[in-house]
Amino acid sequence: MPVQSSSDCPHLECVGEITKEELIHKSHGQCQDCKVGGPNLWACLENSCAYVGCGESHADHSTVHSQVSHP
């Protein structure tokens, strides 16, 4: 059953279904581009996307992924 949101954020419409356990598992992984480990990893929440990338403290592949794959 979908959760009713009171937010006006347009990004919530494209968030896929992902469990807390899946997010925790991804947080212990590594960037899919440069293979750096956490703690600053970001999981893409776009529907049907399983990408995990590093954040600003490393090469910022998460931002590149967002700009290229989900403009």
PDB file of N, CA and C in Angstrom:
ATOM      1  N   MET A   1       0.841  -1.176   0.000  1.00  0.00           N
ATOM      2  CA  MET A   1       0.000   0.000   0.000  1.00  0.00           C
ATOM      3  C   MET A   1       0.892   1.248   0.000  1.00  0.00           C
ATOM      4  N   PRO A   2       0.704   2.176  -0.949  1.00  0.00           N
ATOM      5  CA  PRO A   2       1.515   3.391  -1.013  1.00  0.00           C
ATOM      6  C   PRO A   2       1.290   4.276   0.207  1.00  0.00           C
ATOM      7  N   VAL A   3       2.342   4.941   0.617  1.00  0.00           N
ATOM      8  CA  VAL A   3       2.266   5.855   1.744  1.00  0.00           C
ATOM      9  C   VAL A   3       1.853   7.221   1.234  1.00  0.00           C
ATOM     10  N   GLN A   4       0.892   7.833   1.889  1.00  0.00           N
ATOM     11  CA  GLN A   4       0.432   9.165   1.525  1.00  0.00           C
ATOM     12  C   GLN A   4       1.446  10.180   2.031  1.00  0.00           C
ATOM     13  N   SER A   5       1.895  11.064   1.170  1.00  0.00           N
ATOM     14  CA  SER A   5       2.890  12.050   1.553  1.00  0.00           C
ATOM     15  C   SER A   5       2.266  13.434   1.602  1.00  0.00           C
ATOM     16  N   SER A   6       2.718  14.228   2.558  1.00  0.00           N
ATOM     17  CA  SER A   6       2.229  15.598   2.648  1.00  0.00           C
ATOM     18  C   SER A   6       3.220  16.577   2.035  1.00  0.00           C
ATOM     19  N   SER A   7       4.265  16.067   1.396  1.00  0.00           N
ATOM     20  CA  SER A   7       5.291  16.910   0.798  1.00  0.00           C
ATOM     21  C   SER A   7       4.912  17.297  -0.626  1.00  0.00           C
ATOM     22  N   ASP A   8       5.347  18.476  -1.039  1.00  0.00           N
ATOM     23  CA  ASP A   8       5.134  18.928  -2.408  1.00  0.00           C
ATOM     24  C   ASP A   8       6.347  18.642  -3.284  1.00  0.00           C
ATOM     25  N   CYS A   9       7.307  17.887  -2.777  1.00  0.00           N
ATOM     26  CA  CYS A   9       8.531  17.593  -3.519  1.00  0.00           C
ATOM     27  C   CYS A   9       8.213  16.748  -4.751  1.00  0.00           C
ATOM     28  N   PRO A  10       8.543  17.236  -5.966  1.00  0.00           N
ATOM     29  CA  PRO A  10       8.240  16.484  -7.185  1.00  0.00           C
ATOM     30  C   PRO A  10       9.066  15.210  -7.320  1.00  0.00           C
ATOM     31  N   HIS A  11      10.175  15.114  -6.608  1.00  0.00           N
ATOM     32  CA  HIS A  11      11.034  13.934  -6.699  1.00  0.00           C
ATOM     33  C   HIS A  11      10.399  12.699  -6.076  1.00  0.00           C
ATOM     34  N   LEU A  12       9.449  12.876  -5.172  1.00  0.00           N
ATOM     35  CA  LEU A  12       8.828  11.727  -4.519  1.00  0.00           C
ATOM     36  C   LEU A  12       8.057  10.855  -5.502  1.00  0.00           C
ATOM     37  N   GLU A  13       7.615  11.422  -6.610  1.00  0.00           N
ATOM     38  CA  GLU A  13       6.862  10.652  -7.596  1.00  0.00           C
ATOM     39  C   GLU A  13       7.721   9.628  -8.323  1.00  0.00           C
ATOM     40  N   CYS A  14       9.033   9.811  -8.364  1.00  0.00           N
ATOM     41  CA  CYS A  14       9.897   8.901  -9.113  1.00  0.00           C
ATOM     42  C   CYS A  14      10.680   7.947  -8.217  1.00  0.00           C
ATOM     43  N   VAL A  15      10.458   8.008  -6.914  1.00  0.00           N
ATOM     44  CA  VAL A  15      11.171   7.118  -5.998  1.00  0.00           C
ATOM     45  C   VAL A  15      10.590   5.715  -6.108  1.00  0.00           C
ATOM     46  N   GLY A  16      11.476   4.764  -6.350  1.00  0.00           N
ATOM     47  CA  GLY A  16      11.050   3.372  -6.442  1.00  0.00           C
ATOM     48  C   GLY A  16      10.872   2.764  -5.067  1.00  0.00           C
ATOM     49  N   GLU A  17      10.405   1.533  -5.052  1.00  0.00           N
ATOM     50  CA  GLU A  17      10.235   0.832  -3.786  1.00  0.00           C
ATOM     51  C   GLU A  17      11.562   0.218  -3.369  1.00  0.00           C
ATOM     52  N   ILE A  18      12.023   0.576  -2.189  1.00  0.00           N
ATOM     53  CA  ILE A  18      13.270   0.040  -1.652  1.00  0.00           C
ATOM     54  C   ILE A  18      13.091  -0.109  -0.148  1.00  0.00           C
ATOM     55  N   THR A  19      13.591  -1.177   0.389  1.00  0.00           N
ATOM     56  CA  THR A  19      13.429  -1.414   1.817  1.00  0.00           C
ATOM     57  C   THR A  19      14.578  -0.807   2.611  1.00  0.00           C
ATOM     58  N   LYS A  20      14.350  -0.650   3.886  1.00  0.00           N
ATOM     59  CA  LYS A  20      15.389  -0.154   4.784  1.00  0.00           C
ATOM     60  C   LYS A  20      16.600  -1.085   4.744  1.00  0.00           C
ATOM     61  N   GLU A  21      16.345  -2.384   4.707  1.00  0.00           N
ATOM     62  CA  GLU A  21      17.430  -3.364   4.676  1.00  0.00           C
ATOM     63  C   GLU A  21      18.268  -3.226   3.407  1.00  0.00           C
ATOM     64  N   GLU A  22      17.615  -2.973   2.268  1.00  0.00           N
ATOM     65  CA  GLU A  22      18.347  -2.788   1.010  1.00  0.00           C
ATOM     66  C   GLU A  22      19.241  -1.551   1.075  1.00  0.00           C
ATOM     67  N   LEU A  23      18.732  -0.471   1.657  1.00  0.00           N
ATOM     68  CA  LEU A  23      19.535   0.749   1.790  1.00  0.00           C
ATOM     69  C   LEU A  23      20.727   0.529   2.715  1.00  0.00           C
ATOM     70  N   ILE A  24      20.513  -0.186   3.804  1.00  0.00           N
ATOM     71  CA  ILE A  24      21.617  -0.475   4.721  1.00  0.00           C
ATOM     72  C   ILE A  24      22.671  -1.311   4.010  1.00  0.00           C
ATOM     73  N   HIS A  25      22.237  -2.305   3.247  1.00  0.00           N
ATOM     74  CA  HIS A  25      23.172  -3.150   2.500  1.00  0.00           C
ATOM     75  C   HIS A  25      23.986  -2.311   1.509  1.00  0.00           C
ATOM     76  N   LYS A  26      23.323  -1.420   0.784  1.00  0.00           N
ATOM     77  CA  LYS A  26      24.011  -0.568  -0.185  1.00  0.00           C
ATOM     78  C   LYS A  26      25.017   0.352   0.509  1.00  0.00           C
ATOM     79  N   SER A  27      24.695   0.807   1.714  1.00  0.00           N
ATOM     80  CA  SER A  27      25.586   1.731   2.423  1.00  0.00           C
ATOM     81  C   SER A  27      26.895   1.069   2.839  1.00  0.00           C
ATOM     82  N   HIS A  28      26.920  -0.245   2.873  1.00  0.00           N
ATOM     83  CA  HIS A  28      28.143  -0.968   3.228  1.00  0.00           C
ATOM     84  C   HIS A  28      28.904  -1.436   1.992  1.00  0.00           C
ATOM     85  N   GLY A  29      28.473  -1.007   0.828  1.00  0.00           N
ATOM     86  CA  GLY A  29      29.101  -1.426  -0.422  1.00  0.00           C
ATOM     87  C   GLY A  29      30.194  -0.481  -0.865  1.00  0.00           C
ATOM     88  N   GLN A  30      30.227  -0.229  -2.172  1.00  0.00           N
ATOM     89  CA  GLN A  30      31.240   0.653  -2.738  1.00  0.00           C
ATOM     90  C   GLN A  30      30.673   1.360  -3.961  1.00  0.00           C
ATOM     91  N   CYS A  31      31.316   2.467  -4.331  1.00  0.00           N
ATOM     92  CA  CYS A  31      30.916   3.215  -5.516  1.00  0.00           C
ATOM     93  C   CYS A  31      31.047   2.309  -6.738  1.00  0.00           C
ATOM     94  N   GLN A  32      30.047   2.299  -7.569  1.00  0.00           N
ATOM     95  CA  GLN A  32      30.068   1.447  -8.752  1.00  0.00           C
ATOM     96  C   GLN A  32      31.054   1.934  -9.810  1.00  0.00           C
ATOM     97  N   ASP A  33      31.522   3.177  -9.712  1.00  0.00           N
ATOM     98  CA  ASP A  33      32.461   3.704 -10.697  1.00  0.00           C
ATOM     99  C   ASP A  33      33.915   3.607 -10.246  1.00  0.00           C
ATOM    100  N   CYS A  34      34.211   4.068  -9.029  1.00  0.00           N
ATOM    101  CA  CYS A  34      35.614   4.106  -8.591  1.00  0.00           C
ATOM    102  C   CYS A  34      35.934   3.096  -7.497  1.00  0.00           C
ATOM    103  N   LYS A  35      34.936   2.364  -7.050  1.00  0.00           N
ATOM    104  CA  LYS A  35      35.092   1.281  -6.063  1.00  0.00           C
ATOM    105  C   LYS A  35      35.484   1.745  -4.664  1.00  0.00           C
ATOM    106  N   VAL A  36      35.398   3.045  -4.364  1.00  0.00           N
ATOM    107  CA  VAL A  36      35.676   3.524  -3.013  1.00  0.00           C
ATOM    108  C   VAL A  36      34.554   3.041  -2.088  1.00  0.00           C
ATOM    109  N   GLY A  37      34.917   2.720  -0.850  1.00  0.00           N
ATOM    110  CA  GLY A  37      33.931   2.294   0.138  1.00  0.00           C
ATOM    111  C   GLY A  37      33.330   3.478   0.868  1.00  0.00           C
ATOM    112  N   GLY A  38      32.410   3.211   1.768  1.00  0.00           N
ATOM    113  CA  GLY A  38      31.735   4.239   2.542  1.00  0.00           C
ATOM    114  C   GLY A  38      32.706   5.033   3.394  1.00  0.00           C
ATOM    115  N   PRO A  39      32.245   5.940   4.199  1.00  0.00           N
ATOM    116  CA  PRO A  39      30.865   6.058   4.624  1.00  0.00           C
ATOM    117  C   PRO A  39      30.025   7.003   3.775  1.00  0.00           C
ATOM    118  N   ASN A  40      30.590   7.696   2.810  1.00  0.00           N
ATOM    119  CA  ASN A  40      29.829   8.702   2.067  1.00  0.00           C
ATOM    120  C   ASN A  40      29.347   8.170   0.723  1.00  0.00           C
ATOM    121  N   LEU A  41      28.502   7.132   0.755  1.00  0.00           N
ATOM    122  CA  LEU A  41      27.922   6.578  -0.469  1.00  0.00           C
ATOM    123  C   LEU A  41      26.473   7.027  -0.586  1.00  0.00           C
ATOM    124  N   TRP A  42      26.034   7.167  -1.810  1.00  0.00           N
ATOM    125  CA  TRP A  42      24.660   7.575  -2.079  1.00  0.00           C
ATOM    126  C   TRP A  42      24.000   6.536  -2.963  1.00  0.00           C
ATOM    127  N   ALA A  43      22.794   6.120  -2.606  1.00  0.00           N
ATOM    128  CA  ALA A  43      22.025   5.170  -3.406  1.00  0.00           C
ATOM    129  C   ALA A  43      20.989   5.943  -4.206  1.00  0.00           C
ATOM    130  N   CYS A  44      20.924   5.678  -5.497  1.00  0.00           N
ATOM    131  CA  CYS A  44      19.913   6.305  -6.349  1.00  0.00           C
ATOM    132  C   CYS A  44      18.557   5.702  -6.008  1.00  0.00           C
ATOM    133  N   LEU A  45      17.573   6.538  -5.796  1.00  0.00           N
ATOM    134  CA  LEU A  45      16.238   6.070  -5.433  1.00  0.00           C
ATOM    135  C   LEU A  45      15.256   6.117  -6.593  1.00  0.00           C
ATOM    136  N   GLU A  46      15.754   6.425  -7.797  1.00  0.00           N
ATOM    137  CA  GLU A  46      14.890   6.401  -8.976  1.00  0.00           C
ATOM    138  C   GLU A  46      14.310   5.003  -9.148  1.00  0.00           C
ATOM    139  N   ASN A  47      13.091   4.936  -9.607  1.00  0.00           N
ATOM    140  CA  ASN A  47      12.427   3.659  -9.838  1.00  0.00           C
ATOM    141  C   ASN A  47      13.262   2.781 -10.766  1.00  0.00           C
ATOM    142  N   SER A  48      13.521   1.557 -10.377  1.00  0.00           N
ATOM    143  CA  SER A  48      14.272   0.553 -11.150  1.00  0.00           C
ATOM    144  C   SER A  48      15.753   0.889 -11.323  1.00  0.00           C
ATOM    145  N   CYS A  49      16.318   1.720 -10.488  1.00  0.00           N
ATOM    146  CA  CYS A  49      17.742   2.037 -10.568  1.00  0.00           C
ATOM    147  C   CYS A  49      18.422   1.546  -9.296  1.00  0.00           C
ATOM    148  N   ALA A  50      19.505   0.835  -9.458  1.00  0.00           N
ATOM    149  CA  ALA A  50      20.209   0.264  -8.303  1.00  0.00           C
ATOM    150  C   ALA A  50      21.591   0.879  -8.120  1.00  0.00           C
ATOM    151  N   TYR A  51      21.835   2.041  -8.709  1.00  0.00           N
ATOM    152  CA  TYR A  51      23.162   2.658  -8.682  1.00  0.00           C
ATOM    153  C   TYR A  51      23.558   3.116  -7.277  1.00  0.00           C
ATOM    154  N   VAL A  52      24.818   2.902  -6.931  1.00  0.00           N
ATOM    155  CA  VAL A  52      25.417   3.425  -5.702  1.00  0.00           C
ATOM    156  C   VAL A  52      26.683   4.165  -6.109  1.00  0.00           C
ATOM    157  N   GLY A  53      26.797   5.418  -5.685  1.00  0.00           N
ATOM    158  CA  GLY A  53      27.966   6.215  -6.043  1.00  0.00           C
ATOM    159  C   GLY A  53      28.527   6.970  -4.858  1.00  0.00           C
ATOM    160  N   CYS A  54      29.779   7.395  -4.993  1.00  0.00           N
ATOM    161  CA  CYS A  54      30.433   8.163  -3.933  1.00  0.00           C
ATOM    162  C   CYS A  54      29.930   9.607  -3.955  1.00  0.00           C
ATOM    163  N   GLY A  55      30.100  10.276  -2.827  1.00  0.00           N
ATOM    164  CA  GLY A  55      29.637  11.642  -2.684  1.00  0.00           C
ATOM    165  C   GLY A  55      30.733  12.672  -2.873  1.00  0.00           C
ATOM    166  N   GLU A  56      30.438  13.886  -2.428  1.00  0.00           N
ATOM    167  CA  GLU A  56      31.330  15.030  -2.624  1.00  0.00           C
ATOM    168  C   GLU A  56      32.688  14.875  -1.958  1.00  0.00           C
ATOM    169  N   SER A  57      32.787  14.063  -0.921  1.00  0.00           N
ATOM    170  CA  SER A  57      34.071  13.928  -0.232  1.00  0.00           C
ATOM    171  C   SER A  57      35.063  13.074  -1.020  1.00  0.00           C
ATOM    172  N   HIS A  58      34.598  12.468  -2.117  1.00  0.00           N
ATOM    173  CA  HIS A  58      35.503  11.704  -2.975  1.00  0.00           C
ATOM    174  C   HIS A  58      35.361  12.246  -4.402  1.00  0.00           C
ATOM    175  N   ALA A  59      34.953  11.446  -5.359  1.00  0.00           N
ATOM    176  CA  ALA A  59      34.879  11.884  -6.759  1.00  0.00           C
ATOM    177  C   ALA A  59      33.480  12.341  -7.179  1.00  0.00           C
ATOM    178  N   ASP A  60      32.506  12.254  -6.280  1.00  0.00           N
ATOM    179  CA  ASP A  60      31.127  12.712  -6.505  1.00  0.00           C
ATOM    180  C   ASP A  60      30.445  12.032  -7.691  1.00  0.00           C
ATOM    181  N   HIS A  61      30.640  10.735  -7.831  1.00  0.00           N
ATOM    182  CA  HIS A  61      29.988   9.993  -8.908  1.00  0.00           C
ATOM    183  C   HIS A  61      28.465   9.963  -8.757  1.00  0.00           C
ATOM    184  N   SER A  62      27.950  10.148  -7.549  1.00  0.00           N
ATOM    185  CA  SER A  62      26.498  10.160  -7.362  1.00  0.00           C
ATOM    186  C   SER A  62      25.861  11.347  -8.088  1.00  0.00           C
ATOM    187  N   THR A  63      26.494  12.501  -8.035  1.00  0.00           N
ATOM    188  CA  THR A  63      25.967  13.673  -8.740  1.00  0.00           C
ATOM    189  C   THR A  63      26.072  13.495 -10.247  1.00  0.00           C
ATOM    190  N   VAL A  64      27.189  12.967 -10.712  1.00  0.00           N
ATOM    191  CA  VAL A  64      27.360  12.713 -12.147  1.00  0.00           C
ATOM    192  C   VAL A  64      26.274  11.753 -12.631  1.00  0.00           C
ATOM    193  N   HIS A  65      26.027  10.687 -11.869  1.00  0.00           N
ATOM    194  CA  HIS A  65      24.989   9.723 -12.234  1.00  0.00           C
ATOM    195  C   HIS A  65      23.630  10.410 -12.347  1.00  0.00           C
ATOM    196  N   SER A  66      23.303  11.226 -11.379  1.00  0.00           N
ATOM    197  CA  SER A  66      22.012  11.916 -11.381  1.00  0.00           C
ATOM    198  C   SER A  66      21.864  12.824 -12.599  1.00  0.00           C
ATOM    199  N   GLN A  67      22.903  13.576 -12.924  1.00  0.00           N
ATOM    200  CA  GLN A  67      22.846  14.519 -14.042  1.00  0.00           C
ATOM    201  C   GLN A  67      22.790  13.816 -15.394  1.00  0.00           C
ATOM    202  N   VAL A  68      23.482  12.690 -15.526  1.00  0.00           N
ATOM    203  CA  VAL A  68      23.551  11.984 -16.807  1.00  0.00           C
ATOM    204  C   VAL A  68      22.383  11.015 -16.988  1.00  0.00           C
ATOM    205  N   SER A  69      22.053  10.270 -15.941  1.00  0.00           N
ATOM    206  CA  SER A  69      21.050   9.209 -16.064  1.00  0.00           C
ATOM    207  C   SER A  69      19.623   9.658 -15.800  1.00  0.00           C
ATOM    208  N   HIS A  70      19.448  10.685 -14.996  1.00  0.00           N
ATOM    209  CA  HIS A  70      18.105  11.136 -14.615  1.00  0.00           C
ATOM    210  C   HIS A  70      18.016  12.664 -14.663  1.00  0.00           C
ATOM    211  N   PRO A  71      18.265  13.256 -15.840  1.00  0.00           N
ATOM    212  CA  PRO A  71      18.271  14.735 -15.919  1.00  0.00           C
ATOM    213  C   PRO A  71      16.908  15.357 -15.680  1.00  0.00           C
TER     214      PRO A  71
END
